[in-house]
């Protein structure tokens, strides 16, 4: 991923996290992300059952390739799989919106 794209994605994610801050406080959770190479992993952070620490739960993964941004979901075995129902797109914001809307019920 080139530097321009990386900065743009980081800006989109900052805005996304700020726009969901109120909901996150109500639900005692936080949204975060990890950007590594051409992959962005969206994570949910919430307190452990005993409240002593925060745990991170991967939600979705976005991978940039020649076809655009592809969306991956996590299976029960901890492996990422392409969500074929979501077509690749050059528009990262649209892909993030699809995951947030969760119309497929898998995120």
C-alpha atoms as a PDB file:
ATOM      1  CA  UNK A   1       0.000   0.000   0.000  1.00  0.00           C
ATOM      2  CA  UNK A   2       1.445   3.372  -0.952  1.00  0.00           C
ATOM      3  CA  UNK A   3       1.835   6.168   1.615  1.00  0.00           C
ATOM      4  CA  UNK A   4      -1.039   8.242   0.203  1.00  0.00           C
ATOM      5  CA  UNK A   5      -3.484   5.338   0.479  1.00  0.00           C
ATOM      6  CA  UNK A   6      -2.247   4.513   3.971  1.00  0.00           C
ATOM      7  CA  UNK A   7      -2.783   8.104   5.181  1.00  0.00           C
ATOM      8  CA  UNK A   8      -6.233   8.199   3.586  1.00  0.00           C
ATOM      9  CA  UNK A   9      -7.261   4.924   5.232  1.00  0.00           C
ATOM     10  CA  UNK A  10      -5.966   6.104   8.618  1.00  0.00           C
ATOM     11  CA  UNK A  11      -8.011   9.308   8.233  1.00  0.00           C
ATOM     12  CA  UNK A  12     -11.144   7.303   7.333  1.00  0.00           C
ATOM     13  CA  UNK A  13     -10.638   5.061  10.368  1.00  0.00           C
ATOM     14  CA  UNK A  14     -10.118   8.020  12.744  1.00  0.00           C
ATOM     15  CA  UNK A  15     -13.371   9.537  11.501  1.00  0.00           C
ATOM     16  CA  UNK A  16     -15.157   6.177  11.798  1.00  0.00           C
ATOM     17  CA  UNK A  17     -13.998   5.653  15.380  1.00  0.00           C
ATOM     18  CA  UNK A  18     -14.955   9.222  16.346  1.00  0.00           C
ATOM     19  CA  UNK A  19     -18.391   8.880  14.752  1.00  0.00           C
ATOM     20  CA  UNK A  20     -19.126   5.697  16.713  1.00  0.00           C
ATOM     21  CA  UNK A  21     -17.649   6.914  20.039  1.00  0.00           C
ATOM     22  CA  UNK A  22     -21.006   7.568  21.745  1.00  0.00           C
ATOM     23  CA  UNK A  23     -22.365   4.133  20.829  1.00  0.00           C
ATOM     24  CA  UNK A  24     -19.115   2.555  21.962  1.00  0.00           C
ATOM     25  CA  UNK A  25     -19.399   4.176  25.408  1.00  0.00           C
ATOM     26  CA  UNK A  26     -22.992   2.983  25.805  1.00  0.00           C
ATOM     27  CA  UNK A  27     -21.952  -0.572  24.970  1.00  0.00           C
ATOM     28  CA  UNK A  28     -18.696  -0.444  26.970  1.00  0.00           C
ATOM     29  CA  UNK A  29     -16.677  -1.336  23.948  1.00  0.00           C
ATOM     30  CA  UNK A  30     -14.218   0.301  21.639  1.00  0.00           C
ATOM     31  CA  UNK A  31     -13.403  -0.132  17.970  1.00  0.00           C
ATOM     32  CA  UNK A  32      -9.808  -0.297  16.853  1.00  0.00           C
ATOM     33  CA  UNK A  33      -7.820  -1.455  13.898  1.00  0.00           C
ATOM     34  CA  UNK A  34      -4.436  -2.776  12.880  1.00  0.00           C
ATOM     35  CA  UNK A  35      -2.942  -1.785   9.538  1.00  0.00           C
ATOM     36  CA  UNK A  36      -0.197  -4.062   8.277  1.00  0.00           C
ATOM     37  CA  UNK A  37       0.970  -3.985   4.689  1.00  0.00           C
ATOM     38  CA  UNK A  38      -2.092  -4.215   2.440  1.00  0.00           C
ATOM     39  CA  UNK A  39      -4.385  -5.493   5.215  1.00  0.00           C
ATOM     40  CA  UNK A  40      -6.532  -3.690   7.743  1.00  0.00           C
ATOM     41  CA  UNK A  41      -8.048  -5.718  10.568  1.00  0.00           C
ATOM     42  CA  UNK A  42     -11.029  -4.201  12.354  1.00  0.00           C
ATOM     43  CA  UNK A  43     -11.174  -5.197  16.032  1.00  0.00           C
ATOM     44  CA  UNK A  44     -13.639  -4.742  18.855  1.00  0.00           C
ATOM     45  CA  UNK A  45     -12.162  -4.103  22.287  1.00  0.00           C
ATOM     46  CA  UNK A  46     -14.246  -4.845  25.361  1.00  0.00           C
ATOM     47  CA  UNK A  47     -13.632  -5.563  29.031  1.00  0.00           C
ATOM     48  CA  UNK A  48     -13.105  -9.151  30.083  1.00  0.00           C
ATOM     49  CA  UNK A  49     -15.827 -10.779  32.174  1.00  0.00           C
ATOM     50  CA  UNK A  50     -13.962  -9.991  35.389  1.00  0.00           C
ATOM     51  CA  UNK A  51     -13.274  -6.435  34.191  1.00  0.00           C
ATOM     52  CA  UNK A  52      -9.570  -6.752  34.963  1.00  0.00           C
ATOM     53  CA  UNK A  53      -8.372  -6.337  31.375  1.00  0.00           C
ATOM     54  CA  UNK A  54      -9.487  -5.508  27.866  1.00  0.00           C
ATOM     55  CA  UNK A  55      -9.721  -8.166  25.193  1.00  0.00           C
ATOM     56  CA  UNK A  56      -9.570  -7.704  21.422  1.00  0.00           C
ATOM     57  CA  UNK A  57     -11.930  -9.573  19.133  1.00  0.00           C
ATOM     58  CA  UNK A  58     -11.231  -9.443  15.394  1.00  0.00           C
ATOM     59  CA  UNK A  59     -14.341  -8.408  13.465  1.00  0.00           C
ATOM     60  CA  UNK A  60     -13.363  -8.230   9.811  1.00  0.00           C
ATOM     61  CA  UNK A  61     -10.354  -7.914   7.597  1.00  0.00           C
ATOM     62  CA  UNK A  62      -9.958  -5.752   4.507  1.00  0.00           C
ATOM     63  CA  UNK A  63      -7.279  -6.664   1.978  1.00  0.00           C
ATOM     64  CA  UNK A  64      -6.191  -4.452  -0.882  1.00  0.00           C
ATOM     65  CA  UNK A  65      -5.152  -6.139  -4.108  1.00  0.00           C
ATOM     66  CA  UNK A  66      -5.291  -5.386  -7.827  1.00  0.00           C
ATOM     67  CA  UNK A  67      -9.083  -5.883  -7.778  1.00  0.00           C
ATOM     68  CA  UNK A  68      -9.669  -3.410  -4.949  1.00  0.00           C
ATOM     69  CA  UNK A  69     -10.605  -3.920  -1.304  1.00  0.00           C
ATOM     70  CA  UNK A  70     -11.836  -7.410  -0.465  1.00  0.00           C
ATOM     71  CA  UNK A  71     -13.615  -8.273   2.784  1.00  0.00           C
ATOM     72  CA  UNK A  72     -12.768 -11.317   4.894  1.00  0.00           C
ATOM     73  CA  UNK A  73     -14.624 -12.828   7.837  1.00  0.00           C
ATOM     74  CA  UNK A  74     -13.282 -14.957  10.645  1.00  0.00           C
ATOM     75  CA  UNK A  75     -14.493 -18.525  11.102  1.00  0.00           C
ATOM     76  CA  UNK A  76     -14.825 -20.347  14.429  1.00  0.00           C
ATOM     77  CA  UNK A  77     -11.361 -21.839  13.935  1.00  0.00           C
ATOM     78  CA  UNK A  78      -9.717 -18.425  13.756  1.00  0.00           C
ATOM     79  CA  UNK A  79      -9.108 -18.464   9.982  1.00  0.00           C
ATOM     80  CA  UNK A  80      -9.956 -15.626   7.604  1.00  0.00           C
ATOM     81  CA  UNK A  81     -12.164 -16.404   4.607  1.00  0.00           C
ATOM     82  CA  UNK A  82     -13.174 -14.202   1.702  1.00  0.00           C
ATOM     83  CA  UNK A  83     -16.779 -13.014   1.987  1.00  0.00           C
ATOM     84  CA  UNK A  84     -17.788 -13.742  -1.604  1.00  0.00           C
ATOM     85  CA  UNK A  85     -21.144 -11.977  -1.198  1.00  0.00           C
ATOM     86  CA  UNK A  86     -19.292  -8.654  -0.941  1.00  0.00           C
ATOM     87  CA  UNK A  87     -17.689  -7.805  -4.277  1.00  0.00           C
ATOM     88  CA  UNK A  88     -14.244  -6.201  -4.331  1.00  0.00           C
ATOM     89  CA  UNK A  89     -14.341  -2.423  -4.480  1.00  0.00           C
ATOM     90  CA  UNK A  90     -11.861   0.421  -4.910  1.00  0.00           C
ATOM     91  CA  UNK A  91     -13.943   2.318  -2.328  1.00  0.00           C
ATOM     92  CA  UNK A  92     -12.714   1.409   1.164  1.00  0.00           C
ATOM     93  CA  UNK A  93     -15.426   3.483   2.840  1.00  0.00           C
ATOM     94  CA  UNK A  94     -18.127   1.488   1.047  1.00  0.00           C
ATOM     95  CA  UNK A  95     -16.584  -1.778   2.211  1.00  0.00           C
ATOM     96  CA  UNK A  96     -16.378  -0.500   5.789  1.00  0.00           C
ATOM     97  CA  UNK A  97     -20.030   0.513   5.537  1.00  0.00           C
ATOM     98  CA  UNK A  98     -21.010  -2.983   4.379  1.00  0.00           C
ATOM     99  CA  UNK A  99     -19.254  -4.538   7.355  1.00  0.00           C
ATOM    100  CA  UNK A 100     -20.798  -2.016   9.756  1.00  0.00           C
ATOM    101  CA  UNK A 101     -24.299  -2.594   8.332  1.00  0.00           C
ATOM    102  CA  UNK A 102     -23.725  -6.346   8.738  1.00  0.00           C
ATOM    103  CA  UNK A 103     -26.602  -7.251   6.435  1.00  0.00           C
ATOM    104  CA  UNK A 104     -25.132 -10.756   6.067  1.00  0.00           C
ATOM    105  CA  UNK A 105     -25.078 -11.282   9.837  1.00  0.00           C
ATOM    106  CA  UNK A 106     -21.478 -12.492   9.966  1.00  0.00           C
ATOM    107  CA  UNK A 107     -19.607  -9.550  11.526  1.00  0.00           C
END
